[in-house]
PDBML (XML) file of the C-alpha atoms, coordinates in Angstrom:
<?xml version="1.0" encoding="UTF-8" ?>
<PDBx:datablock datablockName="MODEL"
   xmlns:PDBx="http://pdbml.pdb.org/schema/pdbx-v50.xsd"
   xmlns:xsi="http://www.w3.org/2001/XMLSchema-instance"
   xsi:schemaLocation="http://pdbml.pdb.org/schema/pdbx-v50.xsd pdbx-v50.xsd">
   <PDBx:atom_siteCategory>
      <PDBx:atom_site id="1">
         <PDBx:B_iso_or_equiv>0.00</PDBx:B_iso_or_equiv>
         <PDBx:Cartn_x>88.061</PDBx:Cartn_x>
         <PDBx:Cartn_y>8.620</PDBx:Cartn_y>
         <PDBx:Cartn_z>38.619</PDBx:Cartn_z>
         <PDBx:auth_asym_id>A</PDBx:auth_asym_id>
         <PDBx:auth_atom_id>CA</PDBx:auth_atom_id>
         <PDBx:auth_comp_id>UNK</PDBx:auth_comp_id>
         <PDBx:auth_seq_id>1</PDBx:auth_seq_id>
         <PDBx:group_PDB>ATOM</PDBx:group_PDB>
         <PDBx:label_alt_id xsi:nil="true" />
         <PDBx:label_asym_id>A</PDBx:label_asym_id>
         <PDBx:label_atom_id>CA</PDBx:label_atom_id>
         <PDBx:label_comp_id>UNK</PDBx:label_comp_id>
         <PDBx:label_entity_id>1</PDBx:label_entity_id>
         <PDBx:label_seq_id>1</PDBx:label_seq_id>
         <PDBx:occupancy>1.00</PDBx:occupancy>
         <PDBx:pdbx_PDB_model_num>1</PDBx:pdbx_PDB_model_num>
         <PDBx:type_symbol>C</PDBx:type_symbol>
      </PDBx:atom_site>
      <PDBx:atom_site id="2">
         <PDBx:B_iso_or_equiv>0.00</PDBx:B_iso_or_equiv>
         <PDBx:Cartn_x>89.072</PDBx:Cartn_x>
         <PDBx:Cartn_y>7.612</PDBx:Cartn_y>
         <PDBx:Cartn_z>35.082</PDBx:Cartn_z>
         <PDBx:auth_asym_id>A</PDBx:auth_asym_id>
         <PDBx:auth_atom_id>CA</PDBx:auth_atom_id>
         <PDBx:auth_comp_id>UNK</PDBx:auth_comp_id>
         <PDBx:auth_seq_id>2</PDBx:auth_seq_id>
         <PDBx:group_PDB>ATOM</PDBx:group_PDB>
         <PDBx:label_alt_id xsi:nil="true" />
         <PDBx:label_asym_id>A</PDBx:label_asym_id>
         <PDBx:label_atom_id>CA</PDBx:label_atom_id>
         <PDBx:label_comp_id>UNK</PDBx:label_comp_id>
         <PDBx:label_entity_id>1</PDBx:label_entity_id>
         <PDBx:label_seq_id>2</PDBx:label_seq_id>
         <PDBx:occupancy>1.00</PDBx:occupancy>
         <PDBx:pdbx_PDB_model_num>1</PDBx:pdbx_PDB_model_num>
         <PDBx:type_symbol>C</PDBx:type_symbol>
      </PDBx:atom_site>
      <PDBx:atom_site id="3">
         <PDBx:B_iso_or_equiv>0.00</PDBx:B_iso_or_equiv>
         <PDBx:Cartn_x>88.549</PDBx:Cartn_x>
         <PDBx:Cartn_y>11.158</PDBx:Cartn_y>
         <PDBx:Cartn_z>33.782</PDBx:Cartn_z>
         <PDBx:auth_asym_id>A</PDBx:auth_asym_id>
         <PDBx:auth_atom_id>CA</PDBx:auth_atom_id>
         <PDBx:auth_comp_id>UNK</PDBx:auth_comp_id>
         <PDBx:auth_seq_id>3</PDBx:auth_seq_id>
         <PDBx:group_PDB>ATOM</PDBx:group_PDB>
         <PDBx:label_alt_id xsi:nil="true" />
         <PDBx:label_asym_id>A</PDBx:label_asym_id>
         <PDBx:label_atom_id>CA</PDBx:label_atom_id>
         <PDBx:label_comp_id>UNK</PDBx:label_comp_id>
         <PDBx:label_entity_id>1</PDBx:label_entity_id>
         <PDBx:label_seq_id>3</PDBx:label_seq_id>
         <PDBx:occupancy>1.00</PDBx:occupancy>
         <PDBx:pdbx_PDB_model_num>1</PDBx:pdbx_PDB_model_num>
         <PDBx:type_symbol>C</PDBx:type_symbol>
      </PDBx:atom_site>
      <PDBx:atom_site id="4">
         <PDBx:B_iso_or_equiv>0.00</PDBx:B_iso_or_equiv>
         <PDBx:Cartn_x>85.967</PDBx:Cartn_x>
         <PDBx:Cartn_y>13.641</PDBx:Cartn_y>
         <PDBx:Cartn_z>32.610</PDBx:Cartn_z>
         <PDBx:auth_asym_id>A</PDBx:auth_asym_id>
         <PDBx:auth_atom_id>CA</PDBx:auth_atom_id>
         <PDBx:auth_comp_id>UNK</PDBx:auth_comp_id>
         <PDBx:auth_seq_id>4</PDBx:auth_seq_id>
         <PDBx:group_PDB>ATOM</PDBx:group_PDB>
         <PDBx:label_alt_id xsi:nil="true" />
         <PDBx:label_asym_id>A</PDBx:label_asym_id>
         <PDBx:label_atom_id>CA</PDBx:label_atom_id>
         <PDBx:label_comp_id>UNK</PDBx:label_comp_id>
         <PDBx:label_entity_id>1</PDBx:label_entity_id>
         <PDBx:label_seq_id>4</PDBx:label_seq_id>
         <PDBx:occupancy>1.00</PDBx:occupancy>
         <PDBx:pdbx_PDB_model_num>1</PDBx:pdbx_PDB_model_num>
         <PDBx:type_symbol>C</PDBx:type_symbol>
      </PDBx:atom_site>
      <PDBx:atom_site id="5">
         <PDBx:B_iso_or_equiv>0.00</PDBx:B_iso_or_equiv>
         <PDBx:Cartn_x>82.687</PDBx:Cartn_x>
         <PDBx:Cartn_y>12.152</PDBx:Cartn_y>
         <PDBx:Cartn_z>31.445</PDBx:Cartn_z>
         <PDBx:auth_asym_id>A</PDBx:auth_asym_id>
         <PDBx:auth_atom_id>CA</PDBx:auth_atom_id>
         <PDBx:auth_comp_id>UNK</PDBx:auth_comp_id>
         <PDBx:auth_seq_id>5</PDBx:auth_seq_id>
         <PDBx:group_PDB>ATOM</PDBx:group_PDB>
         <PDBx:label_alt_id xsi:nil="true" />
         <PDBx:label_asym_id>A</PDBx:label_asym_id>
         <PDBx:label_atom_id>CA</PDBx:label_atom_id>
         <PDBx:label_comp_id>UNK</PDBx:label_comp_id>
         <PDBx:label_entity_id>1</PDBx:label_entity_id>
         <PDBx:label_seq_id>5</PDBx:label_seq_id>
         <PDBx:occupancy>1.00</PDBx:occupancy>
         <PDBx:pdbx_PDB_model_num>1</PDBx:pdbx_PDB_model_num>
         <PDBx:type_symbol>C</PDBx:type_symbol>
      </PDBx:atom_site>
      <PDBx:atom_site id="6">
         <PDBx:B_iso_or_equiv>0.00</PDBx:B_iso_or_equiv>
         <PDBx:Cartn_x>79.763</PDBx:Cartn_x>
         <PDBx:Cartn_y>13.537</PDBx:Cartn_y>
         <PDBx:Cartn_z>29.512</PDBx:Cartn_z>
         <PDBx:auth_asym_id>A</PDBx:auth_asym_id>
         <PDBx:auth_atom_id>CA</PDBx:auth_atom_id>
         <PDBx:auth_comp_id>UNK</PDBx:auth_comp_id>
         <PDBx:auth_seq_id>6</PDBx:auth_seq_id>
         <PDBx:group_PDB>ATOM</PDBx:group_PDB>
         <PDBx:label_alt_id xsi:nil="true" />
         <PDBx:label_asym_id>A</PDBx:label_asym_id>
         <PDBx:label_atom_id>CA</PDBx:label_atom_id>
         <PDBx:label_comp_id>UNK</PDBx:label_comp_id>
         <PDBx:label_entity_id>1</PDBx:label_entity_id>
         <PDBx:label_seq_id>6</PDBx:label_seq_id>
         <PDBx:occupancy>1.00</PDBx:occupancy>
         <PDBx:pdbx_PDB_model_num>1</PDBx:pdbx_PDB_model_num>
         <PDBx:type_symbol>C</PDBx:type_symbol>
      </PDBx:atom_site>
      <PDBx:atom_site id="7">
         <PDBx:B_iso_or_equiv>0.00</PDBx:B_iso_or_equiv>
         <PDBx:Cartn_x>76.367</PDBx:Cartn_x>
         <PDBx:Cartn_y>13.190</PDBx:Cartn_y>
         <PDBx:Cartn_z>31.175</PDBx:Cartn_z>
         <PDBx:auth_asym_id>A</PDBx:auth_asym_id>
         <PDBx:auth_atom_id>CA</PDBx:auth_atom_id>
         <PDBx:auth_comp_id>UNK</PDBx:auth_comp_id>
         <PDBx:auth_seq_id>7</PDBx:auth_seq_id>
         <PDBx:group_PDB>ATOM</PDBx:group_PDB>
         <PDBx:label_alt_id xsi:nil="true" />
         <PDBx:label_asym_id>A</PDBx:label_asym_id>
         <PDBx:label_atom_id>CA</PDBx:label_atom_id>
         <PDBx:label_comp_id>UNK</PDBx:label_comp_id>
         <PDBx:label_entity_id>1</PDBx:label_entity_id>
         <PDBx:label_seq_id>7</PDBx:label_seq_id>
         <PDBx:occupancy>1.00</PDBx:occupancy>
         <PDBx:pdbx_PDB_model_num>1</PDBx:pdbx_PDB_model_num>
         <PDBx:type_symbol>C</PDBx:type_symbol>
      </PDBx:atom_site>
      <PDBx:atom_site id="8">
         <PDBx:B_iso_or_equiv>0.00</PDBx:B_iso_or_equiv>
         <PDBx:Cartn_x>75.346</PDBx:Cartn_x>
         <PDBx:Cartn_y>10.919</PDBx:Cartn_y>
         <PDBx:Cartn_z>28.294</PDBx:Cartn_z>
         <PDBx:auth_asym_id>A</PDBx:auth_asym_id>
         <PDBx:auth_atom_id>CA</PDBx:auth_atom_id>
         <PDBx:auth_comp_id>UNK</PDBx:auth_comp_id>
         <PDBx:auth_seq_id>8</PDBx:auth_seq_id>
         <PDBx:group_PDB>ATOM</PDBx:group_PDB>
         <PDBx:label_alt_id xsi:nil="true" />
         <PDBx:label_asym_id>A</PDBx:label_asym_id>
         <PDBx:label_atom_id>CA</PDBx:label_atom_id>
         <PDBx:label_comp_id>UNK</PDBx:label_comp_id>
         <PDBx:label_entity_id>1</PDBx:label_entity_id>
         <PDBx:label_seq_id>8</PDBx:label_seq_id>
         <PDBx:occupancy>1.00</PDBx:occupancy>
         <PDBx:pdbx_PDB_model_num>1</PDBx:pdbx_PDB_model_num>
         <PDBx:type_symbol>C</PDBx:type_symbol>
      </PDBx:atom_site>
      <PDBx:atom_site id="9">
         <PDBx:B_iso_or_equiv>0.00</PDBx:B_iso_or_equiv>
         <PDBx:Cartn_x>78.178</PDBx:Cartn_x>
         <PDBx:Cartn_y>8.495</PDBx:Cartn_y>
         <PDBx:Cartn_z>29.158</PDBx:Cartn_z>
         <PDBx:auth_asym_id>A</PDBx:auth_asym_id>
         <PDBx:auth_atom_id>CA</PDBx:auth_atom_id>
         <PDBx:auth_comp_id>UNK</PDBx:auth_comp_id>
         <PDBx:auth_seq_id>9</PDBx:auth_seq_id>
         <PDBx:group_PDB>ATOM</PDBx:group_PDB>
         <PDBx:label_alt_id xsi:nil="true" />
         <PDBx:label_asym_id>A</PDBx:label_asym_id>
         <PDBx:label_atom_id>CA</PDBx:label_atom_id>
         <PDBx:label_comp_id>UNK</PDBx:label_comp_id>
         <PDBx:label_entity_id>1</PDBx:label_entity_id>
         <PDBx:label_seq_id>9</PDBx:label_seq_id>
         <PDBx:occupancy>1.00</PDBx:occupancy>
         <PDBx:pdbx_PDB_model_num>1</PDBx:pdbx_PDB_model_num>
         <PDBx:type_symbol>C</PDBx:type_symbol>
      </PDBx:atom_site>
      <PDBx:atom_site id="10">
         <PDBx:B_iso_or_equiv>0.00</PDBx:B_iso_or_equiv>
         <PDBx:Cartn_x>77.210</PDBx:Cartn_x>
         <PDBx:Cartn_y>8.495</PDBx:Cartn_y>
         <PDBx:Cartn_z>32.826</PDBx:Cartn_z>
         <PDBx:auth_asym_id>A</PDBx:auth_asym_id>
         <PDBx:auth_atom_id>CA</PDBx:auth_atom_id>
         <PDBx:auth_comp_id>UNK</PDBx:auth_comp_id>
         <PDBx:auth_seq_id>10</PDBx:auth_seq_id>
         <PDBx:group_PDB>ATOM</PDBx:group_PDB>
         <PDBx:label_alt_id xsi:nil="true" />
         <PDBx:label_asym_id>A</PDBx:label_asym_id>
         <PDBx:label_atom_id>CA</PDBx:label_atom_id>
         <PDBx:label_comp_id>UNK</PDBx:label_comp_id>
         <PDBx:label_entity_id>1</PDBx:label_entity_id>
         <PDBx:label_seq_id>10</PDBx:label_seq_id>
         <PDBx:occupancy>1.00</PDBx:occupancy>
         <PDBx:pdbx_PDB_model_num>1</PDBx:pdbx_PDB_model_num>
         <PDBx:type_symbol>C</PDBx:type_symbol>
      </PDBx:atom_site>
      <PDBx:atom_site id="11">
         <PDBx:B_iso_or_equiv>0.00</PDBx:B_iso_or_equiv>
         <PDBx:Cartn_x>73.595</PDBx:Cartn_x>
         <PDBx:Cartn_y>7.764</PDBx:Cartn_y>
         <PDBx:Cartn_z>31.863</PDBx:Cartn_z>
         <PDBx:auth_asym_id>A</PDBx:auth_asym_id>
         <PDBx:auth_atom_id>CA</PDBx:auth_atom_id>
         <PDBx:auth_comp_id>UNK</PDBx:auth_comp_id>
         <PDBx:auth_seq_id>11</PDBx:auth_seq_id>
         <PDBx:group_PDB>ATOM</PDBx:group_PDB>
         <PDBx:label_alt_id xsi:nil="true" />
         <PDBx:label_asym_id>A</PDBx:label_asym_id>
         <PDBx:label_atom_id>CA</PDBx:label_atom_id>
         <PDBx:label_comp_id>UNK</PDBx:label_comp_id>
         <PDBx:label_entity_id>1</PDBx:label_entity_id>
         <PDBx:label_seq_id>11</PDBx:label_seq_id>
         <PDBx:occupancy>1.00</PDBx:occupancy>
         <PDBx:pdbx_PDB_model_num>1</PDBx:pdbx_PDB_model_num>
         <PDBx:type_symbol>C</PDBx:type_symbol>
      </PDBx:atom_site>
      <PDBx:atom_site id="12">
         <PDBx:B_iso_or_equiv>0.00</PDBx:B_iso_or_equiv>
         <PDBx:Cartn_x>74.704</PDBx:Cartn_x>
         <PDBx:Cartn_y>4.779</PDBx:Cartn_y>
         <PDBx:Cartn_z>29.775</PDBx:Cartn_z>
         <PDBx:auth_asym_id>A</PDBx:auth_asym_id>
         <PDBx:auth_atom_id>CA</PDBx:auth_atom_id>
         <PDBx:auth_comp_id>UNK</PDBx:auth_comp_id>
         <PDBx:auth_seq_id>12</PDBx:auth_seq_id>
         <PDBx:group_PDB>ATOM</PDBx:group_PDB>
         <PDBx:label_alt_id xsi:nil="true" />
         <PDBx:label_asym_id>A</PDBx:label_asym_id>
         <PDBx:label_atom_id>CA</PDBx:label_atom_id>
         <PDBx:label_comp_id>UNK</PDBx:label_comp_id>
         <PDBx:label_entity_id>1</PDBx:label_entity_id>
         <PDBx:label_seq_id>12</PDBx:label_seq_id>
         <PDBx:occupancy>1.00</PDBx:occupancy>
         <PDBx:pdbx_PDB_model_num>1</PDBx:pdbx_PDB_model_num>
         <PDBx:type_symbol>C</PDBx:type_symbol>
      </PDBx:atom_site>
      <PDBx:atom_site id="13">
         <PDBx:B_iso_or_equiv>0.00</PDBx:B_iso_or_equiv>
         <PDBx:Cartn_x>76.695</PDBx:Cartn_x>
         <PDBx:Cartn_y>3.299</PDBx:Cartn_y>
         <PDBx:Cartn_z>32.647</PDBx:Cartn_z>
         <PDBx:auth_asym_id>A</PDBx:auth_asym_id>
         <PDBx:auth_atom_id>CA</PDBx:auth_atom_id>
         <PDBx:auth_comp_id>UNK</PDBx:auth_comp_id>
         <PDBx:auth_seq_id>13</PDBx:auth_seq_id>
         <PDBx:group_PDB>ATOM</PDBx:group_PDB>
         <PDBx:label_alt_id xsi:nil="true" />
         <PDBx:label_asym_id>A</PDBx:label_asym_id>
         <PDBx:label_atom_id>CA</PDBx:label_atom_id>
         <PDBx:label_comp_id>UNK</PDBx:label_comp_id>
         <PDBx:label_entity_id>1</PDBx:label_entity_id>
         <PDBx:label_seq_id>13</PDBx:label_seq_id>
         <PDBx:occupancy>1.00</PDBx:occupancy>
         <PDBx:pdbx_PDB_model_num>1</PDBx:pdbx_PDB_model_num>
         <PDBx:type_symbol>C</PDBx:type_symbol>
      </PDBx:atom_site>
      <PDBx:atom_site id="14">
         <PDBx:B_iso_or_equiv>0.00</PDBx:B_iso_or_equiv>
         <PDBx:Cartn_x>74.274</PDBx:Cartn_x>
         <PDBx:Cartn_y>3.922</PDBx:Cartn_y>
         <PDBx:Cartn_z>35.514</PDBx:Cartn_z>
         <PDBx:auth_asym_id>A</PDBx:auth_asym_id>
         <PDBx:auth_atom_id>CA</PDBx:auth_atom_id>
         <PDBx:auth_comp_id>UNK</PDBx:auth_comp_id>
         <PDBx:auth_seq_id>14</PDBx:auth_seq_id>
         <PDBx:group_PDB>ATOM</PDBx:group_PDB>
         <PDBx:label_alt_id xsi:nil="true" />
         <PDBx:label_asym_id>A</PDBx:label_asym_id>
         <PDBx:label_atom_id>CA</PDBx:label_atom_id>
         <PDBx:label_comp_id>UNK</PDBx:label_comp_id>
         <PDBx:label_entity_id>1</PDBx:label_entity_id>
         <PDBx:label_seq_id>14</PDBx:label_seq_id>
         <PDBx:occupancy>1.00</PDBx:occupancy>
         <PDBx:pdbx_PDB_model_num>1</PDBx:pdbx_PDB_model_num>
         <PDBx:type_symbol>C</PDBx:type_symbol>
      </PDBx:atom_site>
      <PDBx:atom_site id="15">
         <PDBx:B_iso_or_equiv>0.00</PDBx:B_iso_or_equiv>
         <PDBx:Cartn_x>70.725</PDBx:Cartn_x>
         <PDBx:Cartn_y>2.809</PDBx:Cartn_y>
         <PDBx:Cartn_z>36.133</PDBx:Cartn_z>
         <PDBx:auth_asym_id>A</PDBx:auth_asym_id>
         <PDBx:auth_atom_id>CA</PDBx:auth_atom_id>
         <PDBx:auth_comp_id>UNK</PDBx:auth_comp_id>
         <PDBx:auth_seq_id>15</PDBx:auth_seq_id>
         <PDBx:group_PDB>ATOM</PDBx:group_PDB>
         <PDBx:label_alt_id xsi:nil="true" />
         <PDBx:label_asym_id>A</PDBx:label_asym_id>
         <PDBx:label_atom_id>CA</PDBx:label_atom_id>
         <PDBx:label_comp_id>UNK</PDBx:label_comp_id>
         <PDBx:label_entity_id>1</PDBx:label_entity_id>
         <PDBx:label_seq_id>15</PDBx:label_seq_id>
         <PDBx:occupancy>1.00</PDBx:occupancy>
         <PDBx:pdbx_PDB_model_num>1</PDBx:pdbx_PDB_model_num>
         <PDBx:type_symbol>C</PDBx:type_symbol>
      </PDBx:atom_site>
      <PDBx:atom_site id="16">
         <PDBx:B_iso_or_equiv>0.00</PDBx:B_iso_or_equiv>
         <PDBx:Cartn_x>69.416</PDBx:Cartn_x>
         <PDBx:Cartn_y>6.347</PDBx:Cartn_y>
         <PDBx:Cartn_z>36.464</PDBx:Cartn_z>
         <PDBx:auth_asym_id>A</PDBx:auth_asym_id>
         <PDBx:auth_atom_id>CA</PDBx:auth_atom_id>
         <PDBx:auth_comp_id>UNK</PDBx:auth_comp_id>
         <PDBx:auth_seq_id>16</PDBx:auth_seq_id>
         <PDBx:group_PDB>ATOM</PDBx:group_PDB>
         <PDBx:label_alt_id xsi:nil="true" />
         <PDBx:label_asym_id>A</PDBx:label_asym_id>
         <PDBx:label_atom_id>CA</PDBx:label_atom_id>
         <PDBx:label_comp_id>UNK</PDBx:label_comp_id>
         <PDBx:label_entity_id>1</PDBx:label_entity_id>
         <PDBx:label_seq_id>16</PDBx:label_seq_id>
         <PDBx:occupancy>1.00</PDBx:occupancy>
         <PDBx:pdbx_PDB_model_num>1</PDBx:pdbx_PDB_model_num>
         <PDBx:type_symbol>C</PDBx:type_symbol>
      </PDBx:atom_site>
      <PDBx:atom_site id="17">
         <PDBx:B_iso_or_equiv>0.00</PDBx:B_iso_or_equiv>
         <PDBx:Cartn_x>66.984</PDBx:Cartn_x>
         <PDBx:Cartn_y>8.505</PDBx:Cartn_y>
         <PDBx:Cartn_z>34.572</PDBx:Cartn_z>
         <PDBx:auth_asym_id>A</PDBx:auth_asym_id>
         <PDBx:auth_atom_id>CA</PDBx:auth_atom_id>
         <PDBx:auth_comp_id>UNK</PDBx:auth_comp_id>
         <PDBx:auth_seq_id>17</PDBx:auth_seq_id>
         <PDBx:group_PDB>ATOM</PDBx:group_PDB>
         <PDBx:label_alt_id xsi:nil="true" />
         <PDBx:label_asym_id>A</PDBx:label_asym_id>
         <PDBx:label_atom_id>CA</PDBx:label_atom_id>
         <PDBx:label_comp_id>UNK</PDBx:label_comp_id>
         <PDBx:label_entity_id>1</PDBx:label_entity_id>
         <PDBx:label_seq_id>17</PDBx:label_seq_id>
         <PDBx:occupancy>1.00</PDBx:occupancy>
         <PDBx:pdbx_PDB_model_num>1</PDBx:pdbx_PDB_model_num>
         <PDBx:type_symbol>C</PDBx:type_symbol>
      </PDBx:atom_site>
      <PDBx:atom_site id="18">
         <PDBx:B_iso_or_equiv>0.00</PDBx:B_iso_or_equiv>
         <PDBx:Cartn_x>68.211</PDBx:Cartn_x>
         <PDBx:Cartn_y>11.818</PDBx:Cartn_y>
         <PDBx:Cartn_z>33.196</PDBx:Cartn_z>
         <PDBx:auth_asym_id>A</PDBx:auth_asym_id>
         <PDBx:auth_atom_id>CA</PDBx:auth_atom_id>
         <PDBx:auth_comp_id>UNK</PDBx:auth_comp_id>
         <PDBx:auth_seq_id>18</PDBx:auth_seq_id>
         <PDBx:group_PDB>ATOM</PDBx:group_PDB>
         <PDBx:label_alt_id xsi:nil="true" />
         <PDBx:label_asym_id>A</PDBx:label_asym_id>
         <PDBx:label_atom_id>CA</PDBx:label_atom_id>
         <PDBx:label_comp_id>UNK</PDBx:label_comp_id>
         <PDBx:label_entity_id>1</PDBx:label_entity_id>
         <PDBx:label_seq_id>18</PDBx:label_seq_id>
         <PDBx:occupancy>1.00</PDBx:occupancy>
         <PDBx:pdbx_PDB_model_num>1</PDBx:pdbx_PDB_model_num>
         <PDBx:type_symbol>C</PDBx:type_symbol>
      </PDBx:atom_site>
      <PDBx:atom_site id="19">
         <PDBx:B_iso_or_equiv>0.00</PDBx:B_iso_or_equiv>
         <PDBx:Cartn_x>66.388</PDBx:Cartn_x>
         <PDBx:Cartn_y>13.677</PDBx:Cartn_y>
         <PDBx:Cartn_z>35.978</PDBx:Cartn_z>
         <PDBx:auth_asym_id>A</PDBx:auth_asym_id>
         <PDBx:auth_atom_id>CA</PDBx:auth_atom_id>
         <PDBx:auth_comp_id>UNK</PDBx:auth_comp_id>
         <PDBx:auth_seq_id>19</PDBx:auth_seq_id>
         <PDBx:group_PDB>ATOM</PDBx:group_PDB>
         <PDBx:label_alt_id xsi:nil="true" />
         <PDBx:label_asym_id>A</PDBx:label_asym_id>
         <PDBx:label_atom_id>CA</PDBx:label_atom_id>
         <PDBx:label_comp_id>UNK</PDBx:label_comp_id>
         <PDBx:label_entity_id>1</PDBx:label_entity_id>
         <PDBx:label_seq_id>19</PDBx:label_seq_id>
         <PDBx:occupancy>1.00</PDBx:occupancy>
         <PDBx:pdbx_PDB_model_num>1</PDBx:pdbx_PDB_model_num>
         <PDBx:type_symbol>C</PDBx:type_symbol>
      </PDBx:atom_site>
      <PDBx:atom_site id="20">
         <PDBx:B_iso_or_equiv>0.00</PDBx:B_iso_or_equiv>
         <PDBx:Cartn_x>67.897</PDBx:Cartn_x>
         <PDBx:Cartn_y>11.292</PDBx:Cartn_y>
         <PDBx:Cartn_z>38.557</PDBx:Cartn_z>
         <PDBx:auth_asym_id>A</PDBx:auth_asym_id>
         <PDBx:auth_atom_id>CA</PDBx:auth_atom_id>
         <PDBx:auth_comp_id>UNK</PDBx:auth_comp_id>
         <PDBx:auth_seq_id>20</PDBx:auth_seq_id>
         <PDBx:group_PDB>ATOM</PDBx:group_PDB>
         <PDBx:label_alt_id xsi:nil="true" />
         <PDBx:label_asym_id>A</PDBx:label_asym_id>
         <PDBx:label_atom_id>CA</PDBx:label_atom_id>
         <PDBx:label_comp_id>UNK</PDBx:label_comp_id>
         <PDBx:label_entity_id>1</PDBx:label_entity_id>
         <PDBx:label_seq_id>20</PDBx:label_seq_id>
         <PDBx:occupancy>1.00</PDBx:occupancy>
         <PDBx:pdbx_PDB_model_num>1</PDBx:pdbx_PDB_model_num>
         <PDBx:type_symbol>C</PDBx:type_symbol>
      </PDBx:atom_site>
      <PDBx:atom_site id="21">
         <PDBx:B_iso_or_equiv>0.00</PDBx:B_iso_or_equiv>
         <PDBx:Cartn_x>71.394</PDBx:Cartn_x>
         <PDBx:Cartn_y>11.895</PDBx:Cartn_y>
         <PDBx:Cartn_z>37.223</PDBx:Cartn_z>
         <PDBx:auth_asym_id>A</PDBx:auth_asym_id>
         <PDBx:auth_atom_id>CA</PDBx:auth_atom_id>
         <PDBx:auth_comp_id>UNK</PDBx:auth_comp_id>
         <PDBx:auth_seq_id>21</PDBx:auth_seq_id>
         <PDBx:group_PDB>ATOM</PDBx:group_PDB>
         <PDBx:label_alt_id xsi:nil="true" />
         <PDBx:label_asym_id>A</PDBx:label_asym_id>
         <PDBx:label_atom_id>CA</PDBx:label_atom_id>
         <PDBx:label_comp_id>UNK</PDBx:label_comp_id>
         <PDBx:label_entity_id>1</PDBx:label_entity_id>
         <PDBx:label_seq_id>21</PDBx:label_seq_id>
         <PDBx:occupancy>1.00</PDBx:occupancy>
         <PDBx:pdbx_PDB_model_num>1</PDBx:pdbx_PDB_model_num>
         <PDBx:type_symbol>C</PDBx:type_symbol>
      </PDBx:atom_site>
      <PDBx:atom_site id="22">
         <PDBx:B_iso_or_equiv>0.00</PDBx:B_iso_or_equiv>
         <PDBx:Cartn_x>70.785</PDBx:Cartn_x>
         <PDBx:Cartn_y>15.638</PDBx:Cartn_y>
         <PDBx:Cartn_z>37.190</PDBx:Cartn_z>
         <PDBx:auth_asym_id>A</PDBx:auth_asym_id>
         <PDBx:auth_atom_id>CA</PDBx:auth_atom_id>
         <PDBx:auth_comp_id>UNK</PDBx:auth_comp_id>
         <PDBx:auth_seq_id>22</PDBx:auth_seq_id>
         <PDBx:group_PDB>ATOM</PDBx:group_PDB>
         <PDBx:label_alt_id xsi:nil="true" />
         <PDBx:label_asym_id>A</PDBx:label_asym_id>
         <PDBx:label_atom_id>CA</PDBx:label_atom_id>
         <PDBx:label_comp_id>UNK</PDBx:label_comp_id>
         <PDBx:label_entity_id>1</PDBx:label_entity_id>
         <PDBx:label_seq_id>22</PDBx:label_seq_id>
         <PDBx:occupancy>1.00</PDBx:occupancy>
         <PDBx:pdbx_PDB_model_num>1</PDBx:pdbx_PDB_model_num>
         <PDBx:type_symbol>C</PDBx:type_symbol>
      </PDBx:atom_site>
      <PDBx:atom_site id="23">
         <PDBx:B_iso_or_equiv>0.00</PDBx:B_iso_or_equiv>
         <PDBx:Cartn_x>69.706</PDBx:Cartn_x>
         <PDBx:Cartn_y>15.522</PDBx:Cartn_y>
         <PDBx:Cartn_z>40.848</PDBx:Cartn_z>
         <PDBx:auth_asym_id>A</PDBx:auth_asym_id>
         <PDBx:auth_atom_id>CA</PDBx:auth_atom_id>
         <PDBx:auth_comp_id>UNK</PDBx:auth_comp_id>
         <PDBx:auth_seq_id>23</PDBx:auth_seq_id>
         <PDBx:group_PDB>ATOM</PDBx:group_PDB>
         <PDBx:label_alt_id xsi:nil="true" />
         <PDBx:label_asym_id>A</PDBx:label_asym_id>
         <PDBx:label_atom_id>CA</PDBx:label_atom_id>
         <PDBx:label_comp_id>UNK</PDBx:label_comp_id>
         <PDBx:label_entity_id>1</PDBx:label_entity_id>
         <PDBx:label_seq_id>23</PDBx:label_seq_id>
         <PDBx:occupancy>1.00</PDBx:occupancy>
         <PDBx:pdbx_PDB_model_num>1</PDBx:pdbx_PDB_model_num>
         <PDBx:type_symbol>C</PDBx:type_symbol>
      </PDBx:atom_site>
      <PDBx:atom_site id="24">
         <PDBx:B_iso_or_equiv>0.00</PDBx:B_iso_or_equiv>
         <PDBx:Cartn_x>72.821</PDBx:Cartn_x>
         <PDBx:Cartn_y>13.617</PDBx:Cartn_y>
         <PDBx:Cartn_z>41.925</PDBx:Cartn_z>
         <PDBx:auth_asym_id>A</PDBx:auth_asym_id>
         <PDBx:auth_atom_id>CA</PDBx:auth_atom_id>
         <PDBx:auth_comp_id>UNK</PDBx:auth_comp_id>
         <PDBx:auth_seq_id>24</PDBx:auth_seq_id>
         <PDBx:group_PDB>ATOM</PDBx:group_PDB>
         <PDBx:label_alt_id xsi:nil="true" />
         <PDBx:label_asym_id>A</PDBx:label_asym_id>
         <PDBx:label_atom_id>CA</PDBx:label_atom_id>
         <PDBx:label_comp_id>UNK</PDBx:label_comp_id>
         <PDBx:label_entity_id>1</PDBx:label_entity_id>
         <PDBx:label_seq_id>24</PDBx:label_seq_id>
         <PDBx:occupancy>1.00</PDBx:occupancy>
         <PDBx:pdbx_PDB_model_num>1</PDBx:pdbx_PDB_model_num>
         <PDBx:type_symbol>C</PDBx:type_symbol>
      </PDBx:atom_site>
      <PDBx:atom_site id="25">
         <PDBx:B_iso_or_equiv>0.00</PDBx:B_iso_or_equiv>
         <PDBx:Cartn_x>75.164</PDBx:Cartn_x>
         <PDBx:Cartn_y>15.796</PDBx:Cartn_y>
         <PDBx:Cartn_z>39.857</PDBx:Cartn_z>
         <PDBx:auth_asym_id>A</PDBx:auth_asym_id>
         <PDBx:auth_atom_id>CA</PDBx:auth_atom_id>
         <PDBx:auth_comp_id>UNK</PDBx:auth_comp_id>
         <PDBx:auth_seq_id>25</PDBx:auth_seq_id>
         <PDBx:group_PDB>ATOM</PDBx:group_PDB>
         <PDBx:label_alt_id xsi:nil="true" />
         <PDBx:label_asym_id>A</PDBx:label_asym_id>
         <PDBx:label_atom_id>CA</PDBx:label_atom_id>
         <PDBx:label_comp_id>UNK</PDBx:label_comp_id>
         <PDBx:label_entity_id>1</PDBx:label_entity_id>
         <PDBx:label_seq_id>25</PDBx:label_seq_id>
         <PDBx:occupancy>1.00</PDBx:occupancy>
         <PDBx:pdbx_PDB_model_num>1</PDBx:pdbx_PDB_model_num>
         <PDBx:type_symbol>C</PDBx:type_symbol>
      </PDBx:atom_site>
   </PDBx:atom_siteCategory>
</PDBx:datablock>
């Protein structure tokens, strides 16, 4: 909601693995 984010930023802020984030995205 606050604007575009890089996957690396999302990973830093969420308790997800890279594969978990990829699945949700």
